[in-house]
Amino acid sequence: AKQVQEKDLKFIFGRYVDFQSEVERNMFDIRLMKEGRMKGQAFIGL
């Protein structure tokens, strides 16, 4: 949905990351597309 923000995705996908581990924390990456053809899509690195 257009009102989705990165924090919403972090709230859902953050559960799959061990934030105690610096390596896992650094690998967790959210790229939410807000403009153009890619709008409403996101890439999440776990």
All heavy atoms as atom14 arrays in JSON, in Angstrom:
{
  "sequence": "AKQVQEKDLKFIFGRYVDFQSEVERNMFDIRLMKEGRMKGQAFIGL",
  "atom14_mask": [
    [1, 1, 1, 1, 1, 0, 0, 0, 0, 0, 0, 0, 0, 0],
    [1, 1, 1, 1, 1, 1, 1, 1, 1, 0, 0, 0, 0, 0],
    [1, 1, 1, 1, 1, 1, 1, 1, 1, 0, 0, 0, 0, 0],
    [1, 1, 1, 1, 1, 1, 1, 0, 0, 0, 0, 0, 0, 0],
    [1, 1, 1, 1, 1, 1, 1, 1, 1, 0, 0, 0, 0, 0],
    [1, 1, 1, 1, 1, 1, 1, 1, 1, 0, 0, 0, 0, 0],
    [1, 1, 1, 1, 1, 1, 1, 1, 1, 0, 0, 0, 0, 0],
    [1, 1, 1, 1, 1, 1, 1, 1, 0, 0, 0, 0, 0, 0],
    [1, 1, 1, 1, 1, 1, 1, 1, 0, 0, 0, 0, 0, 0],
    [1, 1, 1, 1, 1, 1, 1, 1, 1, 0, 0, 0, 0, 0],
    [1, 1, 1, 1, 1, 1, 1, 1, 1, 1, 1, 0, 0, 0],
    [1, 1, 1, 1, 1, 1, 1, 1, 0, 0, 0, 0, 0, 0],
    [1, 1, 1, 1, 1, 1, 1, 1, 1, 1, 1, 0, 0, 0],
    [1, 1, 1, 1, 0, 0, 0, 0, 0, 0, 0, 0, 0, 0],
    [1, 1, 1, 1, 1, 1, 1, 1, 1, 1, 1, 0, 0, 0],
    [1, 1, 1, 1, 1, 1, 1, 1, 1, 1, 1, 1, 0, 0],
    [1, 1, 1, 1, 1, 1, 1, 0, 0, 0, 0, 0, 0, 0],
    [1, 1, 1, 1, 1, 1, 1, 1, 0, 0, 0, 0, 0, 0],
    [1, 1, 1, 1, 1, 1, 1, 1, 1, 1, 1, 0, 0, 0],
    [1, 1, 1, 1, 1, 1, 1, 1, 1, 0, 0, 0, 0, 0],
    [1, 1, 1, 1, 1, 1, 0, 0, 0, 0, 0, 0, 0, 0],
    [1, 1, 1, 1, 1, 1, 1, 1, 1, 0, 0, 0, 0, 0],
    [1, 1, 1, 1, 1, 1, 1, 0, 0, 0, 0, 0, 0, 0],
    [1, 1, 1, 1, 1, 1, 1, 1, 1, 0, 0, 0, 0, 0],
    [1, 1, 1, 1, 1, 1, 1, 1, 1, 1, 1, 0, 0, 0],
    [1, 1, 1, 1, 1, 1, 1, 1, 0, 0, 0, 0, 0, 0],
    [1, 1, 1, 1, 1, 1, 1, 1, 0, 0, 0, 0, 0, 0],
    [1, 1, 1, 1, 1, 1, 1, 1, 1, 1, 1, 0, 0, 0],
    [1, 1, 1, 1, 1, 1, 1, 1, 0, 0, 0, 0, 0, 0],
    [1, 1, 1, 1, 1, 1, 1, 1, 0, 0, 0, 0, 0, 0],
    [1, 1, 1, 1, 1, 1, 1, 1, 1, 1, 1, 0, 0, 0],
    [1, 1, 1, 1, 1, 1, 1, 1, 0, 0, 0, 0, 0, 0],
    [1, 1, 1, 1, 1, 1, 1, 1, 0, 0, 0, 0, 0, 0],
    [1, 1, 1, 1, 1, 1, 1, 1, 1, 0, 0, 0, 0, 0],
    [1, 1, 1, 1, 1, 1, 1, 1, 1, 0, 0, 0, 0, 0],
    [1, 1, 1, 1, 0, 0, 0, 0, 0, 0, 0, 0, 0, 0],
    [1, 1, 1, 1, 1, 1, 1, 1, 1, 1, 1, 0, 0, 0],
    [1, 1, 1, 1, 1, 1, 1, 1, 0, 0, 0, 0, 0, 0],
    [1, 1, 1, 1, 1, 1, 1, 1, 1, 0, 0, 0, 0, 0],
    [1, 1, 1, 1, 0, 0, 0, 0, 0, 0, 0, 0, 0, 0],
    [1, 1, 1, 1, 1, 1, 1, 1, 1, 0, 0, 0, 0, 0],
    [1, 1, 1, 1, 1, 0, 0, 0, 0, 0, 0, 0, 0, 0],
    [1, 1, 1, 1, 1, 1, 1, 1, 1, 1, 1, 0, 0, 0],
    [1, 1, 1, 1, 1, 1, 1, 1, 0, 0, 0, 0, 0, 0],
    [1, 1, 1, 1, 0, 0, 0, 0, 0, 0, 0, 0, 0, 0],
    [1, 1, 1, 1, 1, 1, 1, 1, 0, 0, 0, 0, 0, 0]
  ],
  "atom14_positions": [
    [[0.85, -1.2, 0.0], [0.0, 0.0, 0.0], [0.88, 1.25, 0.0], [2.02, 1.22, 0.49], [-0.89, -0.01, 1.24], [0.0, 0.0, 0.0], [0.0, 0.0, 0.0], [0.0, 0.0, 0.0], [0.0, 0.0, 0.0], [0.0, 0.0, 0.0], [0.0, 0.0, 0.0], [0.0, 0.0, 0.0], [0.0, 0.0, 0.0], [0.0, 0.0, 0.0]],
    [[0.34, 2.34, -0.53], [1.2, 3.54, -0.67], [1.62, 4.14, 0.68], [2.62, 4.83, 0.76], [0.55, 4.59, -1.56], [-0.83, 5.07, -1.13], [-1.33, 6.16, -2.09], [-2.69, 6.71, -1.7], [-3.79, 5.78, -2.02], [0.0, 0.0, 0.0], [0.0, 0.0, 0.0], [0.0, 0.0, 0.0], [0.0, 0.0, 0.0], [0.0, 0.0, 0.0]],
    [[0.85, 3.85, 1.74], [1.24, 4.42, 3.05], [2.27, 3.58, 3.8], [2.68, 3.94, 4.89], [0.02, 4.69, 3.93], [-0.82, 3.49, 4.31], [-2.01, 3.3, 3.39], [-1.83, 3.2, 2.18], [-3.21, 3.23, 3.95], [0.0, 0.0, 0.0], [0.0, 0.0, 0.0], [0.0, 0.0, 0.0], [0.0, 0.0, 0.0], [0.0, 0.0, 0.0]],
    [[2.67, 2.45, 3.22], [3.69, 1.6, 3.88], [5.02, 2.36, 3.94], [5.45, 2.96, 2.97], [3.87, 0.27, 3.11], [5.07, -0.5, 3.65], [2.61, -0.59, 3.25], [0.0, 0.0, 0.0], [0.0, 0.0, 0.0], [0.0, 0.0, 0.0], [0.0, 0.0, 0.0], [0.0, 0.0, 0.0], [0.0, 0.0, 0.0], [0.0, 0.0, 0.0]],
    [[5.64, 2.31, 5.12], [6.95, 2.94, 5.29], [7.97, 1.87, 5.68], [7.6, 0.75, 6.03], [6.87, 4.0, 6.4], [5.95, 5.16, 6.05], [5.81, 6.12, 7.22], [6.62, 6.13, 8.15], [4.77, 6.94, 7.18], [0.0, 0.0, 0.0], [0.0, 0.0, 0.0], [0.0, 0.0, 0.0], [0.0, 0.0, 0.0], [0.0, 0.0, 0.0]],
    [[9.23, 2.27, 5.64], [10.3, 1.3, 5.97], [10.11, 0.73, 7.38], [10.37, -0.44, 7.62], [11.67, 1.96, 5.83], [12.09, 2.08, 4.38], [13.51, 2.6, 4.21], [14.28, 2.57, 5.2], [13.84, 3.0, 3.09], [0.0, 0.0, 0.0], [0.0, 0.0, 0.0], [0.0, 0.0, 0.0], [0.0, 0.0, 0.0], [0.0, 0.0, 0.0]],
    [[9.67, 1.58, 8.3], [9.49, 1.09, 9.69], [8.44, -0.02, 9.76], [8.54, -0.92, 10.6], [9.17, 2.24, 10.64], [7.84, 2.91, 10.42], [7.63, 3.99, 11.49], [6.43, 4.82, 11.22], [5.21, 4.74, 11.66], [0.0, 0.0, 0.0], [0.0, 0.0, 0.0], [0.0, 0.0, 0.0], [0.0, 0.0, 0.0], [0.0, 0.0, 0.0]],
    [[7.42, 0.03, 8.87], [6.41, -1.05, 8.86], [7.05, -2.36, 8.42], [6.75, -3.42, 8.96], [5.27, -0.7, 7.9], [4.56, 0.59, 8.31], [4.23, 0.72, 9.49], [4.36, 1.46, 7.44], [0.0, 0.0, 0.0], [0.0, 0.0, 0.0], [0.0, 0.0, 0.0], [0.0, 0.0, 0.0], [0.0, 0.0, 0.0], [0.0, 0.0, 0.0]],
    [[7.94, -2.27, 7.44], [8.61, -3.48, 6.94], [9.61, -3.99, 7.97], [9.78, -5.19, 8.15], [9.3, -3.18, 5.61], [8.34, -2.83, 4.46], [9.1, -2.4, 3.23], [7.4, -3.98, 4.13], [0.0, 0.0, 0.0], [0.0, 0.0, 0.0], [0.0, 0.0, 0.0], [0.0, 0.0, 0.0], [0.0, 0.0, 0.0], [0.0, 0.0, 0.0]],
    [[10.24, -3.05, 8.66], [11.2, -3.46, 9.71], [10.45, -4.17, 10.83], [10.93, -5.15, 11.4], [11.93, -2.23, 10.26], [13.02, -2.61, 11.26], [13.73, -1.4, 11.83], [14.78, -1.86, 12.82], [15.51, -0.76, 13.45], [0.0, 0.0, 0.0], [0.0, 0.0, 0.0], [0.0, 0.0, 0.0], [0.0, 0.0, 0.0], [0.0, 0.0, 0.0]],
    [[9.24, -3.68, 11.14], [8.41, -4.27, 12.2], [8.08, -5.73, 11.87], [8.05, -6.59, 12.74], [7.12, -3.45, 12.34], [6.14, -4.01, 13.35], [6.45, -4.03, 14.69], [4.92, -4.51, 12.95], [5.55, -4.54, 15.63], [4.01, -5.02, 13.87], [4.34, -5.04, 15.21], [0.0, 0.0, 0.0], [0.0, 0.0, 0.0], [0.0, 0.0, 0.0]],
    [[7.87, -6.02, 10.59], [7.52, -7.38, 10.18], [8.77, -8.24, 9.98], [8.89, -9.33, 10.52], [6.68, -7.35, 8.88], [5.33, -6.7, 9.19], [6.48, -8.76, 8.32], [4.53, -6.3, 7.96], [0.0, 0.0, 0.0], [0.0, 0.0, 0.0], [0.0, 0.0, 0.0], [0.0, 0.0, 0.0], [0.0, 0.0, 0.0], [0.0, 0.0, 0.0]],
    [[9.72, -7.73, 9.2], [10.87, -8.57, 8.81], [12.03, -8.51, 9.81], [12.94, -9.34, 9.75], [11.34, -8.21, 7.4], [10.3, -8.53, 6.36], [9.5, -7.53, 5.82], [10.08, -9.84, 5.96], [8.51, -7.84, 4.88], [9.1, -10.15, 5.02], [8.31, -9.15, 4.49], [0.0, 0.0, 0.0], [0.0, 0.0, 0.0], [0.0, 0.0, 0.0]],
    [[11.97, -7.57, 10.75], [13.02, -7.49, 11.77], [13.03, -8.71, 12.68], [14.03, -9.02, 13.31], [0.0, 0.0, 0.0], [0.0, 0.0, 0.0], [0.0, 0.0, 0.0], [0.0, 0.0, 0.0], [0.0, 0.0, 0.0], [0.0, 0.0, 0.0], [0.0, 0.0, 0.0], [0.0, 0.0, 0.0], [0.0, 0.0, 0.0], [0.0, 0.0, 0.0]],
    [[11.9, -9.42, 12.74], [11.83, -10.61, 13.6], [12.75, -11.73, 13.11], [13.03, -12.67, 13.83], [10.39, -11.12, 13.72], [9.77, -11.58, 12.43], [8.38, -12.17, 12.64], [8.47, -13.59, 12.99], [7.99, -14.12, 14.09], [7.37, -13.39, 14.96], [8.09, -15.41, 14.33], [0.0, 0.0, 0.0], [0.0, 0.0, 0.0], [0.0, 0.0, 0.0]],
    [[13.21, -11.65, 11.86], [14.07, -12.7, 11.31], [15.56, -12.36, 11.43], [16.4, -13.01, 10.86], [13.7, -12.95, 9.84], [12.24, -13.27, 9.68], [11.34, -12.32, 9.19], [11.73, -14.5, 10.08], [9.98, -12.61, 9.09], [10.37, -14.79, 9.99], [9.51, -13.83, 9.49], [8.16, -14.11, 9.4], [0.0, 0.0, 0.0], [0.0, 0.0, 0.0]],
    [[15.83, -11.28, 12.17], [17.22, -10.82, 12.31], [17.6, -10.81, 13.78], [16.82, -10.38, 14.62], [17.37, -9.38, 11.73], [18.8, -8.91, 11.84], [16.89, -9.33, 10.3], [0.0, 0.0, 0.0], [0.0, 0.0, 0.0], [0.0, 0.0, 0.0], [0.0, 0.0, 0.0], [0.0, 0.0, 0.0], [0.0, 0.0, 0.0], [0.0, 0.0, 0.0]],
    [[18.8, -11.28, 14.06], [19.3, -11.24, 15.43], [20.05, -9.92, 15.61], [21.19, -9.78, 15.16], [20.24, -12.44, 15.68], [20.86, -12.39, 17.06], [20.41, -11.55, 17.88], [21.8, -13.17, 17.32], [0.0, 0.0, 0.0], [0.0, 0.0, 0.0], [0.0, 0.0, 0.0], [0.0, 0.0, 0.0], [0.0, 0.0, 0.0], [0.0, 0.0, 0.0]],
    [[19.41, -8.95, 16.25], [20.02, -7.63, 16.37], [21.16, -7.6, 17.39], [21.87, -6.61, 17.51], [18.95, -6.58, 16.7], [18.17, -6.17, 15.49], [17.03, -6.87, 15.11], [18.59, -5.11, 14.69], [16.32, -6.52, 13.97], [17.88, -4.75, 13.55], [16.75, -5.45, 13.19], [0.0, 0.0, 0.0], [0.0, 0.0, 0.0], [0.0, 0.0, 0.0]],
    [[21.34, -8.7, 18.13], [22.48, -8.8, 19.04], [23.76, -9.0, 18.23], [24.84, -8.67, 18.68], [22.31, -10.0, 19.99], [21.0, -9.99, 20.78], [20.95, -8.87, 21.8], [21.93, -8.62, 22.5], [19.83, -8.18, 21.88], [0.0, 0.0, 0.0], [0.0, 0.0, 0.0], [0.0, 0.0, 0.0], [0.0, 0.0, 0.0], [0.0, 0.0, 0.0]],
    [[23.6, -9.56, 17.03], [24.77, -9.85, 16.19], [25.01, -8.69, 15.23], [24.14, -8.32, 14.45], [24.52, -11.14, 15.4], [25.32, -11.18, 14.25], [0.0, 0.0, 0.0], [0.0, 0.0, 0.0], [0.0, 0.0, 0.0], [0.0, 0.0, 0.0], [0.0, 0.0, 0.0], [0.0, 0.0, 0.0], [0.0, 0.0, 0.0], [0.0, 0.0, 0.0]],
    [[26.21, -8.14, 15.3], [26.53, -6.99, 14.43], [26.49, -7.39, 12.96], [26.03, -6.63, 12.11], [27.94, -6.46, 14.8], [28.19, -5.08, 14.21], [29.59, -4.56, 14.53], [30.18, -5.03, 15.53], [30.07, -3.71, 13.79], [0.0, 0.0, 0.0], [0.0, 0.0, 0.0], [0.0, 0.0, 0.0], [0.0, 0.0, 0.0], [0.0, 0.0, 0.0]],
    [[26.95, -8.6, 12.66], [26.96, -9.08, 11.27], [25.53, -9.12, 10.73], [25.25, -8.59, 9.64], [27.59, -10.51, 11.19], [27.55, -11.04, 9.77], [29.03, -10.46, 11.71], [0.0, 0.0, 0.0], [0.0, 0.0, 0.0], [0.0, 0.0, 0.0], [0.0, 0.0, 0.0], [0.0, 0.0, 0.0], [0.0, 0.0, 0.0], [0.0, 0.0, 0.0]],
    [[24.61, -9.74, 11.49], [23.22, -9.84, 11.03], [22.58, -8.46, 10.92], [21.83, -8.18, 9.99], [22.4, -10.73, 11.99], [22.82, -12.18, 11.93], [21.68, -13.14, 12.32], [20.54, -12.67, 12.51], [21.94, -14.34, 12.41], [0.0, 0.0, 0.0], [0.0, 0.0, 0.0], [0.0, 0.0, 0.0], [0.0, 0.0, 0.0], [0.0, 0.0, 0.0]],
    [[22.91, -7.62, 11.88], [22.33, -6.26, 11.89], [22.75, -5.51, 10.63], [21.95, -4.81, 10.0], [22.84, -5.53, 13.13], [21.91, -4.44, 13.63], [22.25, -3.99, 15.04], [23.64, -3.6, 15.2], [24.43, -4.06, 16.16], [23.98, -4.93, 17.02], [25.69, -3.66, 16.26], [0.0, 0.0, 0.0], [0.0, 0.0, 0.0], [0.0, 0.0, 0.0]],
    [[24.02, -5.66, 10.25], [24.52, -4.96, 9.06], [23.95, -5.53, 7.77], [23.83, -4.83, 6.77], [26.05, -5.01, 9.02], [26.66, -4.18, 10.13], [26.02, -3.28, 10.68], [27.9, -4.49, 10.5], [0.0, 0.0, 0.0], [0.0, 0.0, 0.0], [0.0, 0.0, 0.0], [0.0, 0.0, 0.0], [0.0, 0.0, 0.0], [0.0, 0.0, 0.0]],
    [[23.62, -6.81, 7.79], [23.09, -7.44, 6.57], [21.61, -7.13, 6.35], [21.09, -7.26, 5.27], [23.3, -8.95, 6.63], [24.74, -9.35, 6.49], [24.93, -11.14, 6.47], [24.45, -11.52, 4.79], [0.0, 0.0, 0.0], [0.0, 0.0, 0.0], [0.0, 0.0, 0.0], [0.0, 0.0, 0.0], [0.0, 0.0, 0.0], [0.0, 0.0, 0.0]],
    [[20.94, -6.71, 7.43], [19.51, -6.4, 7.32], [19.36, -5.07, 6.6], [19.86, -4.05, 7.03], [18.9, -6.32, 8.72], [17.41, -6.1, 8.73], [16.58, -6.84, 7.91], [16.83, -5.15, 9.57], [15.2, -6.66, 7.93], [15.46, -4.96, 9.59], [14.64, -5.71, 8.76], [0.0, 0.0, 0.0], [0.0, 0.0, 0.0], [0.0, 0.0, 0.0]],
    [[18.68, -5.12, 5.47], [18.64, -3.93, 4.62], [17.25, -3.83, 3.97], [16.75, -4.81, 3.41], [19.73, -4.11, 3.54], [19.66, -3.04, 2.47], [19.59, -1.86, 2.83], [19.65, -3.39, 1.27], [0.0, 0.0, 0.0], [0.0, 0.0, 0.0], [0.0, 0.0, 0.0], [0.0, 0.0, 0.0], [0.0, 0.0, 0.0], [0.0, 0.0, 0.0]],
    [[16.63, -2.68, 4.09], [15.3, -2.5, 3.48], [15.38, -1.41, 2.42], [15.83, -0.29, 2.69], [14.26, -2.1, 4.55], [14.1, -3.22, 5.57], [12.91, -1.78, 3.91], [13.19, -2.86, 6.74], [0.0, 0.0, 0.0], [0.0, 0.0, 0.0], [0.0, 0.0, 0.0], [0.0, 0.0, 0.0], [0.0, 0.0, 0.0], [0.0, 0.0, 0.0]],
    [[14.98, -1.75, 1.21], [14.9, -0.74, 0.15], [13.45, -0.67, -0.32], [12.99, -1.54, -1.05], [15.79, -1.14, -1.03], [17.23, -1.3, -0.59], [18.18, -0.51, -1.42], [19.49, -0.56, -0.78], [20.59, -0.88, -1.41], [20.55, -1.19, -2.68], [21.74, -0.87, -0.78], [0.0, 0.0, 0.0], [0.0, 0.0, 0.0], [0.0, 0.0, 0.0]],
    [[12.77, 0.35, 0.13], [11.36, 0.52, -0.24], [11.28, 1.52, -1.39], [11.79, 2.63, -1.28], [10.58, 1.03, 0.98], [9.12, 1.37, 0.76], [8.31, 0.16, 0.31], [8.5, 1.95, 2.04], [0.0, 0.0, 0.0], [0.0, 0.0, 0.0], [0.0, 0.0, 0.0], [0.0, 0.0, 0.0], [0.0, 0.0, 0.0], [0.0, 0.0, 0.0]],
    [[10.66, 1.09, -2.48], [10.53, 1.96, -3.65], [9.27, 2.81, -3.51], [8.18, 2.26, -3.33], [10.43, 1.13, -4.94], [11.47, 0.02, -5.02], [13.15, 0.65, -5.0], [14.08, -0.87, -4.95], [0.0, 0.0, 0.0], [0.0, 0.0, 0.0], [0.0, 0.0, 0.0], [0.0, 0.0, 0.0], [0.0, 0.0, 0.0], [0.0, 0.0, 0.0]],
    [[9.45, 4.12, -3.57], [8.3, 5.01, -3.36], [7.92, 5.78, -4.62], [6.92, 6.48, -4.64], [8.62, 6.0, -2.23], [8.76, 5.3, -0.88], [9.13, 6.26, 0.21], [9.29, 5.54, 1.54], [9.82, 6.38, 2.59], [0.0, 0.0, 0.0], [0.0, 0.0, 0.0], [0.0, 0.0, 0.0], [0.0, 0.0, 0.0], [0.0, 0.0, 0.0]],
    [[8.74, 5.68, -5.63], [8.45, 6.44, -6.85], [8.62, 5.58, -8.1], [9.27, 4.54, -8.06], [9.4, 7.65, -6.95], [9.12, 8.69, -5.88], [10.27, 9.67, -5.72], [11.14, 9.72, -6.61], [10.29, 10.38, -4.7], [0.0, 0.0, 0.0], [0.0, 0.0, 0.0], [0.0, 0.0, 0.0], [0.0, 0.0, 0.0], [0.0, 0.0, 0.0]],
    [[8.04, 6.07, -9.19], [8.21, 5.41, -10.48], [7.53, 4.07, -10.59], [6.64, 3.74, -9.82], [0.0, 0.0, 0.0], [0.0, 0.0, 0.0], [0.0, 0.0, 0.0], [0.0, 0.0, 0.0], [0.0, 0.0, 0.0], [0.0, 0.0, 0.0], [0.0, 0.0, 0.0], [0.0, 0.0, 0.0], [0.0, 0.0, 0.0], [0.0, 0.0, 0.0]],
    [[8.0, 3.27, -11.55], [7.37, 1.98, -11.83], [7.51, 0.99, -10.68], [6.71, 0.08, -10.54], [8.01, 1.35, -13.09], [7.52, 1.99, -14.37], [7.9, 1.17, -15.59], [9.29, 0.72, -15.54], [9.68, -0.52, -15.78], [8.79, -1.46, -16.04], [10.94, -0.86, -15.75], [0.0, 0.0, 0.0], [0.0, 0.0, 0.0], [0.0, 0.0, 0.0]],
    [[8.55, 1.16, -9.9], [8.81, 0.22, -8.81], [8.03, 0.56, -7.54], [8.19, -0.1, -6.53], [10.31, 0.19, -8.48], [11.18, -0.32, -9.59], [10.99, -2.1, -9.83], [11.93, -2.75, -8.46], [0.0, 0.0, 0.0], [0.0, 0.0, 0.0], [0.0, 0.0, 0.0], [0.0, 0.0, 0.0], [0.0, 0.0, 0.0], [0.0, 0.0, 0.0]],
    [[7.2, 1.56, -7.59], [6.44, 1.99, -6.42], [5.62, 0.82, -5.85], [5.06, 0.03, -6.6], [5.48, 3.11, -6.83], [4.98, 3.95, -5.69], [4.2, 5.12, -6.24], [3.62, 5.96, -5.12], [2.82, 7.07, -5.63], [0.0, 0.0, 0.0], [0.0, 0.0, 0.0], [0.0, 0.0, 0.0], [0.0, 0.0, 0.0], [0.0, 0.0, 0.0]],
    [[5.57, 0.73, -4.52], [4.81, -0.35, -3.9], [5.58, -1.66, -3.84], [5.01, -2.72, -3.61], [0.0, 0.0, 0.0], [0.0, 0.0, 0.0], [0.0, 0.0, 0.0], [0.0, 0.0, 0.0], [0.0, 0.0, 0.0], [0.0, 0.0, 0.0], [0.0, 0.0, 0.0], [0.0, 0.0, 0.0], [0.0, 0.0, 0.0], [0.0, 0.0, 0.0]],
    [[6.89, -1.56, -4.06], [7.73, -2.76, -4.0], [8.91, -2.5, -3.07], [9.28, -1.36, -2.82], [8.24, -3.11, -5.4], [7.1, -3.41, -6.37], [7.6, -3.54, -7.8], [8.52, -4.28, -8.07], [6.98, -2.8, -8.71], [0.0, 0.0, 0.0], [0.0, 0.0, 0.0], [0.0, 0.0, 0.0], [0.0, 0.0, 0.0], [0.0, 0.0, 0.0]],
    [[9.47, -3.56, -2.57], [10.61, -3.41, -1.66], [11.54, -4.61, -1.78], [11.11, -5.71, -2.12], [10.12, -3.29, -0.23], [0.0, 0.0, 0.0], [0.0, 0.0, 0.0], [0.0, 0.0, 0.0], [0.0, 0.0, 0.0], [0.0, 0.0, 0.0], [0.0, 0.0, 0.0], [0.0, 0.0, 0.0], [0.0, 0.0, 0.0], [0.0, 0.0, 0.0]],
    [[12.81, -4.35, -1.54], [13.82, -5.42, -1.48], [14.33, -5.45, -0.05], [14.7, -4.41, 0.51], [14.96, -5.16, -2.46], [14.57, -5.34, -3.89], [14.12, -4.25, -4.64], [14.59, -6.6, -4.48], [13.73, -4.43, -5.97], [14.2, -6.78, -5.8], [13.77, -5.68, -6.55], [0.0, 0.0, 0.0], [0.0, 0.0, 0.0], [0.0, 0.0, 0.0]],
    [[14.35, -6.63, 0.52], [14.8, -6.74, 1.9], [15.93, -7.76, 1.99], [15.77, -8.92, 1.61], [13.63, -7.14, 2.83], [12.59, -6.01, 2.8], [14.11, -7.37, 4.26], [11.23, -6.41, 3.24], [0.0, 0.0, 0.0], [0.0, 0.0, 0.0], [0.0, 0.0, 0.0], [0.0, 0.0, 0.0], [0.0, 0.0, 0.0], [0.0, 0.0, 0.0]],
    [[17.06, -7.3, 2.48], [18.22, -8.18, 2.66], [18.18, -8.77, 4.05], [18.07, -8.05, 5.05], [0.0, 0.0, 0.0], [0.0, 0.0, 0.0], [0.0, 0.0, 0.0], [0.0, 0.0, 0.0], [0.0, 0.0, 0.0], [0.0, 0.0, 0.0], [0.0, 0.0, 0.0], [0.0, 0.0, 0.0], [0.0, 0.0, 0.0], [0.0, 0.0, 0.0]],
    [[18.25, -10.09, 4.12], [18.25, -10.78, 5.42], [19.58, -11.49, 5.62], [20.31, -11.73, 4.66], [17.07, -11.76, 5.47], [15.7, -11.06, 5.6], [14.56, -11.99, 5.25], [15.48, -10.5, 6.99], [0.0, 0.0, 0.0], [0.0, 0.0, 0.0], [0.0, 0.0, 0.0], [0.0, 0.0, 0.0], [0.0, 0.0, 0.0], [0.0, 0.0, 0.0]]
  ]
}
